[in-house]
Amino acid sequence: MNQDKKCPSCGATLVFNPGFDSLICQSCGHKEVIPELVSKVPVLEMDFLTAQNTASHDWGMEAKIVQCRQCGAETIQNKLQLSGRCPFCGSNTVDSFDAMGDLMAPMGIIPFKITENRALYIFKDWIKDRFLAPDKLAQNAQLNKFYGIYIPLFTFDTLTVNRYTARCHGDNKTWFKSGKYQFQVDDFPVVASKQLTGDKLLSSVVKDYWTREAKPYSPDALAGFPCEHYSIGLKDAWNSCGPDMQFYLKNETEKHESGSEYMDAMIATDYYDLKYKYLIVPVWINSFFYDGKLYTIVINGQTGKINGQWPKSFGTLARKAVELFF
C-alpha cells in the first residue's frame, strides 16, 4: 500500500524498512522512525458485542479494494497507487473499486521484521531439505521472488468456565473425575484470510505470531506493501474457531487438573466477557508454477517460520534411495 510520503532530502518516495520500524528512501538512504512502532502504548481489546458500533473505519488514507480476477484475493491499497501483481497467485489481471465505508480498519499491526533477502535465504535452506522436491527446483530457488503482504488476523480474549468429565490414569489404576475449571484465554488467533486458511501448512505459519508485540496501527508501516482485505468477518471468525478452541481448552484443562498424569477429558465450555483485536500481520509469499500447477510458500514476516506446498518427484526419491543404500 504505497504511501505518497516523500523524502525531504531528495524527493523520492519513502518505503517501510523491515526490521527497523522506520521509513527509508531507496535513493539516498534517508530514514524516518515511525512513532507508533516504537511507542509503548499497547493495542487494547474491544468488546465483541458492540464491535459494529465502536470499530474504527479510518485507514488513515483514501483506500481502495483491488481484486484479482484469477484467484479472487482482495487487497487494500492506497487510492493513488497503481494496481499491480497479485501476491497470492502472481496474476497481473486485477480490478479496483472504492472501499466500502463499513470496512473495519486495523487496531494494531505487527510490522515486518524479516527482510526479503532473509526470506529468500530461509526459503532456499528449507527447500533443499524437502526430500521429494525436484532437484532443479532447489537449484533454481534463488530465481523465485517473495512478495511481502500484511494479512488480517483476529485475536480473542475470553473468560472460560469449563465443566469436564475425565478418565485419569496413574499407578496402574484408572478412575473417572468430574469438575469445573476456569481459564482466561488471551490472544487466541484466527486468520481472516480464505486464501491461506484452506491449507493447514500455510495456516500453521500465519497463526504463529507474538501478538503481544503488536503496535498501534500506522499506515506508514504499509508503505511498499499491500494489505489483504479480511475475507472472514469478525463474527464468522469467532464462530469458526470452535474446534481449535476446544482442543486448546482440553489441553489446558488436562495440564491444570492432572499434572503429569494423562487425562482424557470431555469438556463443555461457557464463554464470558468476549473481546477482540483486529491486527494485520506480515507474511512473505512465494507463489510459483511447476509443471503447470501453482504452489505457495509462506514465511512468517515476524518470526521467520516457513511452510507451504511444493512439487514431489518420485524420480528424486528413487535417486536418493540409491544414494542412501549404495
Protein backbone atom coordinates (compact mmCIF):
# COMPACT_ATOMS: atom_id res chain seq x y z
CA MET A 1 0.00 0.00 0.00
CA ASN A 2 2.43 2.65 -1.20
CA GLN A 3 2.05 5.95 0.59
CA ASP A 4 2.95 9.19 -1.17
CA LYS A 5 5.29 10.34 1.62
CA LYS A 6 8.32 11.95 0.03
CA CYS A 7 11.94 12.04 1.15
CA PRO A 8 12.82 15.53 2.50
CA SER A 9 16.36 15.14 1.12
CA CYS A 10 15.81 14.08 -2.49
CA GLY A 11 12.04 13.95 -3.07
CA ALA A 12 11.86 10.19 -3.78
CA THR A 13 9.14 8.01 -2.24
CA LEU A 14 9.77 6.57 1.21
CA VAL A 15 9.06 2.86 1.84
CA PHE A 16 8.90 0.78 5.01
CA ASN A 17 12.23 -0.68 6.13
CA PRO A 18 11.66 -4.18 7.62
CA GLY A 19 13.38 -4.76 10.93
CA PHE A 20 13.97 -1.09 11.70
CA ASP A 21 10.45 0.29 12.41
CA SER A 22 11.16 3.13 10.02
CA LEU A 23 10.67 4.50 6.53
CA ILE A 24 13.67 4.61 4.22
CA CYS A 25 14.46 6.37 0.97
CA GLN A 26 15.80 3.85 -1.52
CA SER A 27 17.50 6.65 -3.44
CA CYS A 28 19.55 8.45 -0.78
CA GLY A 29 19.13 6.29 2.34
CA HIS A 30 17.29 8.88 4.46
CA LYS A 31 15.39 7.23 7.36
CA GLU A 32 12.39 8.32 9.42
CA VAL A 33 11.29 6.41 12.51
CA ILE A 34 7.54 5.61 12.64
CA PRO A 35 6.41 6.84 16.09
CA GLU A 36 3.60 4.27 16.53
CA LEU A 37 6.02 1.37 16.03
CA VAL A 38 8.40 2.46 18.78
CA SER A 39 5.73 3.52 21.25
CA LYS A 40 4.96 1.62 24.47
CA VAL A 41 1.21 2.10 24.02
CA PRO A 42 -0.48 -1.34 23.98
CA VAL A 43 -3.12 -2.37 21.48
CA LEU A 44 -6.26 -2.71 23.59
CA GLU A 45 -9.05 -5.22 23.06
CA MET A 46 -12.56 -4.10 22.17
CA ASP A 47 -15.86 -5.55 23.32
CA PHE A 48 -17.14 -8.14 20.84
CA LEU A 49 -20.86 -7.40 21.28
CA THR A 50 -20.50 -3.69 20.48
CA ALA A 51 -17.93 -4.14 17.71
CA GLN A 52 -20.16 -2.92 14.89
CA ASN A 53 -20.79 0.35 16.71
CA THR A 54 -17.30 1.03 18.04
CA ALA A 55 -14.84 -0.36 15.46
CA SER A 56 -12.80 2.26 13.59
CA HIS A 57 -13.22 2.58 9.82
CA ASP A 58 -10.38 5.07 9.35
CA TRP A 59 -7.39 3.63 7.46
CA GLY A 60 -5.52 6.94 7.65
CA MET A 61 -5.71 7.38 3.87
CA GLU A 62 -8.10 7.08 0.95
CA ALA A 63 -8.33 3.33 0.40
CA LYS A 64 -9.47 1.13 -2.46
CA ILE A 65 -10.02 -2.61 -2.80
CA VAL A 66 -8.06 -4.44 -5.52
CA GLN A 67 -9.45 -7.83 -6.56
CA CYS A 68 -7.53 -10.48 -8.50
CA ARG A 69 -9.52 -11.89 -11.41
CA GLN A 70 -7.64 -15.20 -11.31
CA CYS A 71 -7.77 -16.26 -7.62
CA GLY A 72 -10.26 -13.74 -6.17
CA ALA A 73 -7.91 -12.35 -3.49
CA GLU A 74 -8.75 -8.84 -2.28
CA THR A 75 -6.16 -6.37 -1.02
CA ILE A 76 -6.44 -2.87 0.39
CA GLN A 77 -4.30 -0.23 -1.30
CA ASN A 78 -3.84 3.50 -1.30
CA LYS A 79 -6.30 5.01 -3.80
CA LEU A 80 -3.41 6.74 -5.58
CA GLN A 81 -1.42 3.53 -6.10
CA LEU A 82 -1.43 1.81 -9.48
CA SER A 83 -2.73 -1.74 -9.17
CA GLY A 84 -0.11 -4.41 -9.83
CA ARG A 85 0.68 -8.05 -9.21
CA CYS A 86 -1.43 -10.34 -7.01
CA PRO A 87 0.85 -11.70 -4.25
CA PHE A 88 -1.18 -14.90 -3.93
CA CYS A 89 -1.03 -16.22 -7.49
CA GLY A 90 1.19 -13.82 -9.43
CA SER A 91 -1.54 -12.63 -11.79
CA ASN A 92 -1.40 -9.11 -13.21
CA THR A 93 -5.12 -9.09 -14.05
CA VAL A 94 -6.69 -7.14 -11.20
CA ASP A 95 -9.67 -4.81 -10.83
CA SER A 96 -10.00 -1.97 -8.35
CA PHE A 97 -13.01 -0.29 -6.77
CA ASP A 98 -13.64 2.09 -3.89
CA ALA A 99 -13.53 0.61 -0.41
CA MET A 100 -16.85 0.27 1.38
CA GLY A 101 -17.49 2.74 4.18
CA ASP A 102 -18.03 0.00 6.77
CA LEU A 103 -14.68 -1.71 6.11
CA MET A 104 -13.02 -2.03 9.53
CA ALA A 105 -9.57 -0.52 9.86
CA PRO A 106 -6.90 -2.43 11.82
CA MET A 107 -6.48 -1.69 15.52
CA GLY A 108 -2.86 -2.80 15.52
CA ILE A 109 -0.02 -4.04 13.34
CA ILE A 110 2.90 -6.40 13.68
CA PRO A 111 5.49 -4.86 11.33
CA PHE A 112 7.86 -6.84 9.14
CA LYS A 113 10.99 -7.96 10.98
CA ILE A 114 12.24 -10.37 8.28
CA THR A 115 13.68 -8.74 5.16
CA GLU A 116 13.10 -10.07 1.64
CA ASN A 117 16.73 -11.20 1.38
CA ARG A 118 16.38 -13.10 4.64
CA ALA A 119 13.13 -14.65 3.38
CA LEU A 120 14.89 -15.88 0.23
CA TYR A 121 17.67 -17.41 2.34
CA ILE A 122 15.13 -19.16 4.60
CA PHE A 123 13.33 -20.49 1.53
CA LYS A 124 16.46 -21.84 -0.18
CA ASP A 125 17.59 -23.53 3.02
CA TRP A 126 14.12 -25.02 3.55
CA ILE A 127 13.51 -26.28 0.02
CA LYS A 128 16.82 -28.18 0.00
CA ASP A 129 15.52 -30.23 2.93
CA ARG A 130 12.27 -31.26 1.16
CA PHE A 131 13.10 -34.89 0.48
CA LEU A 132 10.87 -35.29 -2.58
CA ALA A 133 11.41 -31.83 -4.08
CA PRO A 134 12.75 -31.98 -7.67
CA ASP A 135 16.45 -31.21 -7.85
CA LYS A 136 16.06 -28.40 -10.35
CA LEU A 137 13.56 -26.69 -8.06
CA ALA A 138 16.13 -26.47 -5.30
CA GLN A 139 18.80 -25.38 -7.78
CA ASN A 140 16.62 -22.58 -9.12
CA ALA A 141 15.13 -21.48 -5.78
CA GLN A 142 17.05 -18.20 -5.94
CA LEU A 143 15.08 -17.26 -9.07
CA ASN A 144 11.78 -17.14 -7.18
CA LYS A 145 10.81 -13.77 -5.76
CA PHE A 146 8.99 -13.32 -2.47
CA TYR A 147 6.27 -10.69 -2.08
CA GLY A 148 5.51 -9.10 1.26
CA ILE A 149 1.90 -8.61 2.30
CA TYR A 150 0.02 -7.91 5.50
CA ILE A 151 -2.81 -10.34 6.20
CA PRO A 152 -5.77 -9.92 8.60
CA LEU A 153 -5.76 -11.63 12.00
CA PHE A 154 -8.41 -11.51 14.71
CA THR A 155 -7.42 -12.39 18.27
CA PHE A 156 -9.91 -13.20 21.01
CA ASP A 157 -9.81 -12.84 24.78
CA THR A 158 -12.46 -14.55 26.84
CA LEU A 159 -13.02 -15.95 30.31
CA THR A 160 -13.96 -19.63 30.02
CA VAL A 161 -15.66 -21.87 32.56
CA ASN A 162 -15.04 -25.49 31.59
CA ARG A 163 -17.10 -28.34 33.01
CA TYR A 164 -15.32 -31.62 32.40
CA THR A 165 -15.58 -35.35 32.83
CA ALA A 166 -12.31 -37.20 32.53
CA ARG A 167 -10.71 -40.60 32.60
CA CYS A 168 -7.45 -40.42 34.53
CA HIS A 169 -4.57 -42.89 34.66
CA GLY A 170 -1.90 -43.38 37.28
CA ASP A 171 -0.25 -46.05 39.48
CA ASN A 172 -1.72 -48.75 37.25
CA LYS A 173 -5.22 -47.53 38.05
CA THR A 174 -7.96 -45.84 36.05
CA TRP A 175 -10.64 -43.62 37.55
CA PHE A 176 -13.19 -41.06 36.45
CA LYS A 177 -13.34 -37.49 37.66
CA SER A 178 -15.64 -34.52 37.09
CA GLY A 179 -15.08 -30.88 37.90
CA LYS A 180 -15.04 -27.28 36.80
CA TYR A 181 -12.03 -25.26 35.64
CA GLN A 182 -11.90 -21.52 34.95
CA PHE A 183 -9.36 -20.31 32.41
CA GLN A 184 -8.65 -16.93 30.84
CA VAL A 185 -7.93 -17.19 27.10
CA ASP A 186 -5.59 -14.47 25.86
CA ASP A 187 -4.98 -13.55 22.19
CA PHE A 188 -6.41 -16.71 20.62
CA PRO A 189 -5.59 -16.22 16.89
CA VAL A 190 -7.96 -16.66 13.95
CA VAL A 191 -6.64 -15.89 10.46
CA ALA A 192 -9.26 -13.92 8.49
CA SER A 193 -7.90 -14.90 5.06
CA LYS A 194 -9.69 -17.53 2.98
CA GLN A 195 -6.63 -17.57 0.71
CA LEU A 196 -4.45 -19.02 3.47
CA THR A 197 -6.75 -20.84 5.91
CA GLY A 198 -7.71 -23.55 3.41
CA ASP A 199 -4.27 -25.18 3.66
CA LYS A 200 -3.04 -26.50 7.03
CA LEU A 201 0.60 -25.99 6.08
CA LEU A 202 0.02 -22.31 5.33
CA SER A 203 -2.28 -21.63 8.29
CA SER A 204 0.27 -23.15 10.70
CA VAL A 205 2.64 -20.31 9.78
CA VAL A 206 0.19 -17.43 9.88
CA LYS A 207 -1.13 -18.31 13.34
CA ASP A 208 2.33 -18.29 14.87
CA TYR A 209 2.84 -14.64 15.85
CA TRP A 210 3.96 -12.97 19.06
CA THR A 211 0.81 -10.90 19.25
CA ARG A 212 1.85 -9.11 22.43
CA GLU A 213 4.41 -7.27 20.30
CA ALA A 214 1.66 -5.67 18.19
CA LYS A 215 1.88 -1.89 17.85
CA PRO A 216 -0.82 0.73 17.21
CA TYR A 217 -1.76 0.77 13.54
CA SER A 218 0.09 3.22 11.32
CA PRO A 219 -0.46 3.49 7.54
CA ASP A 220 3.25 4.36 7.20
CA ALA A 221 4.16 0.74 8.06
CA LEU A 222 2.34 -0.32 4.89
CA ALA A 223 4.43 1.85 2.59
CA GLY A 224 5.54 -0.50 -0.19
CA PHE A 225 3.37 -3.41 0.97
CA PRO A 226 -0.23 -4.38 0.14
CA CYS A 227 -2.67 -5.45 2.84
CA GLU A 228 -5.20 -8.24 2.32
CA HIS A 229 -8.82 -7.33 3.00
CA TYR A 230 -10.32 -9.72 5.54
CA SER A 231 -12.46 -12.29 3.76
CA ILE A 232 -13.70 -13.81 7.04
CA GLY A 233 -15.67 -11.29 9.13
CA LEU A 234 -15.38 -10.86 12.89
CA LYS A 235 -18.43 -12.93 13.83
CA ASP A 236 -17.60 -15.68 11.35
CA ALA A 237 -14.03 -15.75 12.65
CA TRP A 238 -15.25 -16.32 16.20
CA ASN A 239 -17.77 -18.95 15.10
CA SER A 240 -15.10 -20.79 13.09
CA CYS A 241 -12.62 -21.21 15.93
CA GLY A 242 -14.77 -23.67 17.94
CA PRO A 243 -12.83 -26.92 17.22
CA ASP A 244 -9.41 -25.29 17.68
CA MET A 245 -10.58 -23.53 20.84
CA GLN A 246 -11.98 -26.75 22.30
CA PHE A 247 -8.73 -28.59 21.57
CA TYR A 248 -6.77 -25.78 23.24
CA LEU A 249 -9.04 -25.71 26.31
CA LYS A 250 -8.99 -29.51 26.60
CA ASN A 251 -5.19 -29.44 26.77
CA GLU A 252 -5.24 -26.61 29.32
CA THR A 253 -7.75 -28.48 31.47
CA GLU A 254 -5.68 -31.65 31.41
CA LYS A 255 -2.49 -29.79 32.31
CA HIS A 256 -4.18 -27.94 35.17
CA GLU A 257 -6.00 -30.89 36.69
CA SER A 258 -3.82 -33.93 36.21
CA GLY A 259 -0.24 -32.72 36.20
CA SER A 260 1.98 -35.44 34.75
CA GLU A 261 -0.88 -37.95 34.52
CA TYR A 262 -2.78 -38.47 31.31
CA MET A 263 -6.31 -37.16 31.38
CA ASP A 264 -8.81 -37.90 28.63
CA ALA A 265 -11.20 -35.02 29.25
CA MET A 266 -14.51 -34.20 27.60
CA ILE A 267 -15.47 -30.59 28.26
CA ALA A 268 -18.38 -28.19 27.87
CA THR A 269 -17.48 -24.51 27.91
CA ASP A 270 -19.24 -21.26 28.72
CA TYR A 271 -17.66 -18.04 27.44
CA TYR A 272 -17.78 -14.68 29.24
CA ASP A 273 -16.50 -11.14 28.58
CA LEU A 274 -15.54 -11.82 24.96
CA LYS A 275 -13.17 -9.22 23.49
CA TYR A 276 -11.18 -9.00 20.27
CA LYS A 277 -8.37 -7.26 18.45
CA TYR A 278 -8.10 -6.81 14.69
CA LEU A 279 -4.44 -6.93 13.68
CA ILE A 280 -2.63 -7.02 10.37
CA VAL A 281 0.43 -9.25 10.37
CA PRO A 282 3.34 -9.71 7.93
CA VAL A 283 3.82 -12.61 5.51
CA TRP A 284 6.29 -13.23 2.71
CA ILE A 285 4.62 -15.22 -0.08
CA ASN A 286 6.23 -17.12 -2.93
CA SER A 287 3.73 -18.41 -5.48
CA PHE A 288 5.26 -20.31 -8.39
CA PHE A 289 4.18 -22.68 -11.15
CA TYR A 290 5.83 -26.06 -11.65
CA ASP A 291 4.65 -28.37 -14.44
CA GLY A 292 1.57 -26.18 -14.83
CA LYS A 293 0.49 -26.33 -11.16
CA LEU A 294 0.53 -23.42 -8.70
CA TYR A 295 2.40 -23.86 -5.40
CA THR A 296 2.53 -21.42 -2.49
CA ILE A 297 5.18 -20.97 0.19
CA VAL A 298 4.65 -18.60 3.12
CA ILE A 299 7.12 -17.21 5.66
CA ASN A 300 6.05 -15.51 8.86
CA GLY A 301 7.39 -11.96 8.46
CA GLN A 302 7.93 -11.61 12.21
CA THR A 303 9.41 -14.98 13.29
CA GLY A 304 10.76 -16.47 10.04
CA LYS A 305 8.73 -19.69 10.36
CA ILE A 306 8.19 -21.27 6.93
CA ASN A 307 5.89 -23.87 5.42
CA GLY A 308 3.96 -24.45 2.26
CA GLN A 309 3.31 -26.58 -0.78
CA TRP A 310 5.95 -27.99 -3.10
CA PRO A 311 6.04 -30.45 -6.01
CA LYS A 312 7.01 -34.06 -5.30
CA SER A 313 9.25 -36.02 -7.63
CA PHE A 314 9.42 -39.80 -7.39
CA GLY A 315 12.46 -39.66 -9.64
CA THR A 316 14.20 -37.68 -6.91
CA LEU A 317 13.04 -40.27 -4.36
CA ALA A 318 14.49 -43.12 -6.40
CA ARG A 319 17.82 -41.34 -6.87
CA LYS A 320 18.16 -40.50 -3.16
CA ALA A 321 17.25 -44.08 -2.22
CA VAL A 322 20.05 -45.35 -4.47
CA GLU A 323 22.49 -42.88 -2.88
CA LEU A 324 21.38 -43.96 0.59
CA PHE A 325 21.91 -47.68 0.07
CA PHE A 326 24.83 -47.65 -2.33
